Each structure stands twice: as C-alpha cells, then as structure tokens.
N, C-alpha and C. Protein backbone atom coordinates (compact mmCIF):
# COMPACT_ATOMS: atom_id res chain seq x y z
N UNK A 1 133.44 104.73 109.28
CA UNK A 1 132.62 105.44 110.24
C UNK A 1 131.27 104.73 110.38
N UNK A 2 130.78 104.66 111.60
CA UNK A 2 129.49 104.02 111.86
C UNK A 2 128.36 104.92 111.38
N UNK A 3 127.39 104.30 110.73
CA UNK A 3 126.23 105.02 110.20
C UNK A 3 124.96 104.29 110.60
N UNK A 4 123.84 104.99 110.43
CA UNK A 4 122.53 104.38 110.63
C UNK A 4 121.74 104.54 109.34
N UNK A 5 121.23 103.44 108.83
CA UNK A 5 120.40 103.43 107.63
C UNK A 5 118.96 103.28 108.11
N UNK A 6 118.11 104.22 107.72
CA UNK A 6 116.70 104.15 108.12
C UNK A 6 115.84 103.91 106.89
N UNK A 7 114.95 102.96 107.02
CA UNK A 7 114.01 102.64 105.94
C UNK A 7 112.61 102.93 106.47
N UNK A 8 111.95 103.89 105.86
CA UNK A 8 110.59 104.29 106.25
C UNK A 8 109.61 103.58 105.34
N UNK A 9 108.68 102.84 105.94
CA UNK A 9 107.72 102.06 105.20
C UNK A 9 106.44 101.95 106.01
N UNK A 10 105.52 101.10 105.57
CA UNK A 10 104.26 100.88 106.28
C UNK A 10 104.16 99.44 106.73
N UNK A 11 103.38 99.22 107.76
CA UNK A 11 103.18 97.86 108.28
C UNK A 11 102.51 96.95 107.25
N UNK A 12 101.81 97.53 106.29
CA UNK A 12 101.09 96.73 105.29
C UNK A 12 101.93 96.41 104.06
N UNK A 13 103.15 96.94 103.98
CA UNK A 13 104.01 96.67 102.82
C UNK A 13 104.47 95.21 102.86
N UNK A 14 104.21 94.50 101.77
CA UNK A 14 104.56 93.09 101.69
C UNK A 14 105.29 92.79 100.38
N UNK A 15 106.00 91.68 100.39
CA UNK A 15 106.66 91.17 99.20
C UNK A 15 106.53 89.65 99.26
N UNK A 16 105.97 89.07 98.22
CA UNK A 16 105.75 87.62 98.18
C UNK A 16 104.94 87.14 99.40
N UNK A 17 103.93 87.91 99.77
CA UNK A 17 103.01 87.59 100.87
C UNK A 17 103.68 87.56 102.24
N UNK A 18 104.81 88.25 102.39
CA UNK A 18 105.48 88.37 103.68
C UNK A 18 105.65 89.85 104.00
N UNK A 19 105.64 90.17 105.28
CA UNK A 19 105.86 91.56 105.71
C UNK A 19 107.25 92.01 105.29
N UNK A 20 107.31 93.16 104.64
CA UNK A 20 108.59 93.67 104.15
C UNK A 20 109.57 93.93 105.28
N UNK A 21 109.07 94.43 106.43
CA UNK A 21 109.99 94.70 107.54
C UNK A 21 110.62 93.41 108.07
N UNK A 22 109.88 92.29 108.01
CA UNK A 22 110.45 91.01 108.45
C UNK A 22 111.49 90.51 107.45
N UNK A 23 111.18 90.65 106.17
CA UNK A 23 112.12 90.23 105.13
C UNK A 23 113.44 90.99 105.26
N UNK A 24 113.34 92.32 105.37
CA UNK A 24 114.55 93.14 105.46
C UNK A 24 115.33 92.84 106.73
N UNK A 25 114.64 92.66 107.84
CA UNK A 25 115.33 92.35 109.11
C UNK A 25 116.10 91.04 109.02
N UNK A 26 115.47 90.02 108.44
CA UNK A 26 116.16 88.73 108.29
C UNK A 26 117.36 88.85 107.34
N UNK A 27 117.16 89.58 106.24
CA UNK A 27 118.26 89.75 105.30
C UNK A 27 119.41 90.53 105.93
N UNK A 28 119.10 91.51 106.76
CA UNK A 28 120.14 92.27 107.45
C UNK A 28 120.93 91.36 108.38
N UNK A 29 120.24 90.48 109.07
CA UNK A 29 120.91 89.53 109.96
C UNK A 29 121.79 88.57 109.16
N UNK A 30 121.24 88.03 108.07
CA UNK A 30 122.01 87.12 107.22
C UNK A 30 123.21 87.81 106.59
N UNK A 31 123.09 89.10 106.32
CA UNK A 31 124.16 89.89 105.71
C UNK A 31 125.27 90.19 106.72
N UNK A 32 124.94 90.01 108.01
CA UNK A 32 125.93 90.22 109.07
C UNK A 32 126.03 91.65 109.57
N UNK A 33 124.96 92.43 109.40
CA UNK A 33 124.98 93.80 109.92
C UNK A 33 125.04 93.78 111.44
N UNK A 34 125.58 94.84 112.03
CA UNK A 34 125.77 94.90 113.48
C UNK A 34 124.45 94.90 114.25
N UNK A 35 123.43 95.56 113.71
CA UNK A 35 122.18 95.62 114.46
C UNK A 35 121.03 96.12 113.61
N UNK A 36 119.82 95.72 114.01
CA UNK A 36 118.59 96.17 113.34
C UNK A 36 117.50 96.31 114.39
N UNK A 37 116.70 97.34 114.24
CA UNK A 37 115.55 97.56 115.11
C UNK A 37 114.39 98.00 114.23
N UNK A 38 113.20 97.43 114.48
CA UNK A 38 111.99 97.83 113.77
C UNK A 38 111.12 98.60 114.74
N UNK A 39 110.73 99.81 114.34
CA UNK A 39 109.93 100.69 115.20
C UNK A 39 108.55 100.89 114.59
N UNK A 40 107.51 100.79 115.44
CA UNK A 40 106.15 101.13 115.02
C UNK A 40 105.95 102.62 115.17
N UNK A 41 105.43 103.24 114.14
CA UNK A 41 105.12 104.66 114.21
C UNK A 41 103.73 104.87 114.78
N UNK A 42 103.55 105.93 115.54
CA UNK A 42 102.25 106.27 116.09
C UNK A 42 101.43 107.02 115.05
N UNK A 43 102.10 107.90 114.31
CA UNK A 43 101.42 108.67 113.28
C UNK A 43 102.44 109.18 112.29
N UNK A 44 102.02 109.35 111.05
CA UNK A 44 102.92 109.90 110.05
C UNK A 44 102.27 109.99 108.69
N UNK A 45 102.97 110.63 107.76
CA UNK A 45 102.52 110.66 106.38
C UNK A 45 103.73 110.65 105.48
N UNK A 46 103.50 110.24 104.25
CA UNK A 46 104.58 110.16 103.28
C UNK A 46 104.22 110.92 102.02
N UNK A 47 104.73 110.46 100.88
CA UNK A 47 104.49 111.17 99.62
C UNK A 47 103.01 111.36 99.28
N UNK A 48 102.14 110.47 99.75
CA UNK A 48 100.71 110.60 99.46
C UNK A 48 100.06 111.72 100.26
N UNK A 49 100.74 112.19 101.29
CA UNK A 49 100.24 113.23 102.22
C UNK A 49 99.02 112.78 103.00
N UNK A 50 98.71 111.48 102.99
CA UNK A 50 97.61 110.96 103.79
C UNK A 50 98.15 110.63 105.18
N UNK A 51 97.59 111.28 106.19
CA UNK A 51 98.03 111.08 107.57
C UNK A 51 97.53 109.73 108.07
N UNK A 52 98.44 108.90 108.55
CA UNK A 52 98.10 107.56 109.06
C UNK A 52 98.41 107.52 110.55
N UNK A 53 97.56 106.84 111.30
CA UNK A 53 97.83 106.72 112.73
C UNK A 53 97.59 105.29 113.18
N UNK A 54 98.21 104.94 114.29
CA UNK A 54 98.14 103.61 114.87
C UNK A 54 97.17 103.66 116.04
N UNK A 55 95.88 103.40 115.76
CA UNK A 55 94.85 103.46 116.80
C UNK A 55 94.48 102.03 117.19
N UNK A 56 94.56 101.76 118.47
CA UNK A 56 94.38 100.38 118.93
C UNK A 56 92.99 99.84 118.66
N UNK A 57 91.99 100.68 118.50
CA UNK A 57 90.63 100.19 118.30
C UNK A 57 90.32 99.92 116.82
N UNK A 58 91.22 100.28 115.92
CA UNK A 58 91.01 100.03 114.51
C UNK A 58 91.80 98.79 114.09
N UNK A 59 91.12 97.85 113.48
CA UNK A 59 91.78 96.64 112.99
C UNK A 59 92.24 96.87 111.56
N UNK A 60 93.32 96.22 111.18
CA UNK A 60 93.86 96.29 109.82
C UNK A 60 94.15 97.71 109.36
N UNK A 61 94.59 98.54 110.27
CA UNK A 61 94.92 99.91 109.91
C UNK A 61 96.36 99.97 109.40
N UNK A 62 96.59 100.87 108.47
CA UNK A 62 97.94 101.07 107.93
C UNK A 62 98.63 102.15 108.76
N UNK A 63 99.83 101.85 109.23
CA UNK A 63 100.57 102.84 110.01
C UNK A 63 102.05 102.79 109.64
N UNK A 64 102.77 103.87 109.95
CA UNK A 64 104.18 103.95 109.56
C UNK A 64 105.08 103.07 110.42
N UNK A 65 106.17 102.64 109.81
CA UNK A 65 107.21 101.87 110.50
C UNK A 65 108.56 102.37 110.03
N UNK A 66 109.57 102.14 110.86
CA UNK A 66 110.95 102.49 110.51
C UNK A 66 111.84 101.30 110.86
N UNK A 67 112.69 100.92 109.93
CA UNK A 67 113.72 99.92 110.21
C UNK A 67 115.02 100.68 110.35
N UNK A 68 115.70 100.52 111.48
CA UNK A 68 117.00 101.15 111.70
C UNK A 68 118.08 100.09 111.65
N UNK A 69 119.07 100.30 110.81
CA UNK A 69 120.18 99.38 110.65
C UNK A 69 121.48 100.12 110.96
N UNK A 70 122.33 99.53 111.78
CA UNK A 70 123.58 100.18 112.19
C UNK A 70 124.77 99.33 111.77
N UNK A 71 125.74 100.00 111.13
CA UNK A 71 126.99 99.34 110.76
C UNK A 71 127.90 100.38 110.11
N UNK A 72 129.00 99.92 109.57
CA UNK A 72 129.91 100.80 108.83
C UNK A 72 129.24 101.21 107.51
N UNK A 73 129.55 102.41 107.05
CA UNK A 73 128.89 102.94 105.85
C UNK A 73 129.00 102.02 104.65
N UNK A 74 130.18 101.48 104.39
CA UNK A 74 130.36 100.63 103.21
C UNK A 74 129.48 99.39 103.27
N UNK A 75 129.36 98.81 104.45
CA UNK A 75 128.53 97.62 104.60
C UNK A 75 127.05 97.96 104.40
N UNK A 76 126.62 99.10 104.93
CA UNK A 76 125.23 99.53 104.75
C UNK A 76 124.94 99.84 103.28
N UNK A 77 125.89 100.47 102.60
CA UNK A 77 125.70 100.77 101.18
C UNK A 77 125.59 99.47 100.37
N UNK A 78 126.42 98.50 100.69
CA UNK A 78 126.36 97.20 100.01
C UNK A 78 125.03 96.50 100.28
N UNK A 79 124.56 96.59 101.52
CA UNK A 79 123.27 95.98 101.86
C UNK A 79 122.14 96.67 101.11
N UNK A 80 122.19 97.99 101.05
CA UNK A 80 121.15 98.74 100.34
C UNK A 80 121.11 98.34 98.86
N UNK A 81 122.27 98.18 98.25
CA UNK A 81 122.30 97.73 96.85
C UNK A 81 121.66 96.35 96.71
N UNK A 82 121.87 95.50 97.70
CA UNK A 82 121.31 94.14 97.67
C UNK A 82 119.78 94.16 97.74
N UNK A 83 119.20 95.07 98.55
CA UNK A 83 117.75 95.06 98.75
C UNK A 83 117.01 96.10 97.91
N UNK A 84 117.73 96.93 97.18
CA UNK A 84 117.09 98.03 96.44
C UNK A 84 116.00 97.54 95.49
N UNK A 85 116.26 96.45 94.78
CA UNK A 85 115.25 95.95 93.85
C UNK A 85 114.00 95.47 94.59
N UNK A 86 114.19 94.85 95.75
CA UNK A 86 113.03 94.43 96.56
C UNK A 86 112.20 95.65 96.96
N UNK A 87 112.86 96.72 97.36
CA UNK A 87 112.14 97.93 97.74
C UNK A 87 111.36 98.49 96.55
N UNK A 88 111.93 98.43 95.37
CA UNK A 88 111.23 98.89 94.17
C UNK A 88 110.06 97.98 93.82
N UNK A 89 110.23 96.68 94.01
CA UNK A 89 109.19 95.71 93.65
C UNK A 89 107.93 95.84 94.49
N UNK A 90 108.02 96.47 95.64
CA UNK A 90 106.86 96.64 96.52
C UNK A 90 105.88 97.66 95.93
N UNK A 91 106.38 98.59 95.12
CA UNK A 91 105.55 99.63 94.49
C UNK A 91 104.78 100.46 95.51
N UNK A 92 105.43 100.79 96.60
CA UNK A 92 104.83 101.63 97.65
C UNK A 92 105.78 102.78 97.95
N UNK A 93 105.29 103.74 98.72
CA UNK A 93 106.13 104.87 99.11
C UNK A 93 107.10 104.47 100.20
N UNK A 94 108.35 104.28 99.84
CA UNK A 94 109.41 103.91 100.79
C UNK A 94 110.52 104.95 100.67
N UNK A 95 111.02 105.39 101.83
CA UNK A 95 112.12 106.35 101.86
C UNK A 95 113.27 105.73 102.64
N UNK A 96 114.49 105.90 102.13
CA UNK A 96 115.69 105.38 102.79
C UNK A 96 116.63 106.55 103.04
N UNK A 97 117.12 106.67 104.28
CA UNK A 97 118.06 107.73 104.63
C UNK A 97 119.29 107.12 105.29
N UNK A 98 120.41 107.84 105.21
CA UNK A 98 121.67 107.40 105.81
C UNK A 98 122.23 108.55 106.62
N UNK A 99 122.59 108.28 107.89
CA UNK A 99 123.03 109.33 108.80
C UNK A 99 124.28 108.89 109.57
N UNK A 100 125.08 109.88 109.95
CA UNK A 100 126.18 109.63 110.88
C UNK A 100 125.59 109.29 112.24
N UNK A 101 126.27 108.43 112.96
CA UNK A 101 125.84 108.11 114.32
C UNK A 101 127.08 107.95 115.18
N UNK A 102 127.02 108.47 116.38
CA UNK A 102 128.10 108.31 117.34
C UNK A 102 127.68 107.26 118.36
N UNK A 103 128.29 106.10 118.31
CA UNK A 103 128.01 105.06 119.30
C UNK A 103 128.80 105.43 120.55
N UNK A 104 128.09 105.77 121.63
CA UNK A 104 128.76 106.22 122.85
C UNK A 104 128.87 105.12 123.90
N UNK A 105 128.10 104.05 123.73
CA UNK A 105 128.18 102.93 124.67
C UNK A 105 127.61 101.71 123.99
N UNK A 106 128.26 100.57 124.20
CA UNK A 106 127.78 99.32 123.60
C UNK A 106 128.30 98.16 124.43
N UNK A 107 127.44 97.20 124.69
CA UNK A 107 127.86 95.97 125.34
C UNK A 107 127.50 94.81 124.43
N UNK A 108 128.18 93.73 124.58
CA UNK A 108 127.89 92.55 123.78
C UNK A 108 126.78 91.76 124.46
N UNK A 109 125.76 91.39 123.68
CA UNK A 109 124.64 90.62 124.22
C UNK A 109 124.98 89.15 124.38
N UNK A 110 124.06 88.44 124.97
CA UNK A 110 124.25 87.01 125.21
C UNK A 110 123.96 86.22 123.96
C-alpha cells in the first residue's frame, strides 16, 4: 500500500554543515523512493512550544519545514531505518509520521 512519510524539522537543522532537508532529499532519491517534496512552513511549534514564523523581513530566522516522501510502506520503513541515526545525531526536535495515502492521479515526468 502507498504511504506518505512526513519528517517535521526546521530550516536550521544541519548535519556535517549541510542542511538536513537537503541531505534527506538526496538520500531519498539515491534510495529510489517514488517522490519527495520539501515544504516551507509559515508558522509552527514543536516540543519546545516556541512559536516560529517565516517572516520575510527577518534574516536567519528559524522556521518549520516538512519533507514528504511517497512510496510503498516497506520501502519507506527501510528508508527510515537507514536515516534514523542521522535524525538522532542532529539533536533537535524532529517528528516523523507515516500515513495512508490514496494516489488518485499520477503522470510520469520528463
């Protein structure tokens, strides 16, 4: 069954001086997942309960992001096991969720 794996993190989360969302997106592509999308959050809060927002006039502001990965459940679970240690190594508030998804339309890209 097709699922969506969501990883909630911040734009400032890094690992080895690289943006974590870029690392995970590249690893998802290398792993052969069907698709990945990185979304910028406008506002949100996590375990710290500190409300963060994405205001265009503030430089270097921390704001929420979501990485959405779509594939079969077993492949997503295997990918999560592969990146779980990286997520722990960041030492930040990261949440990962897994949901059913009904793909109702899809075309093959160029």
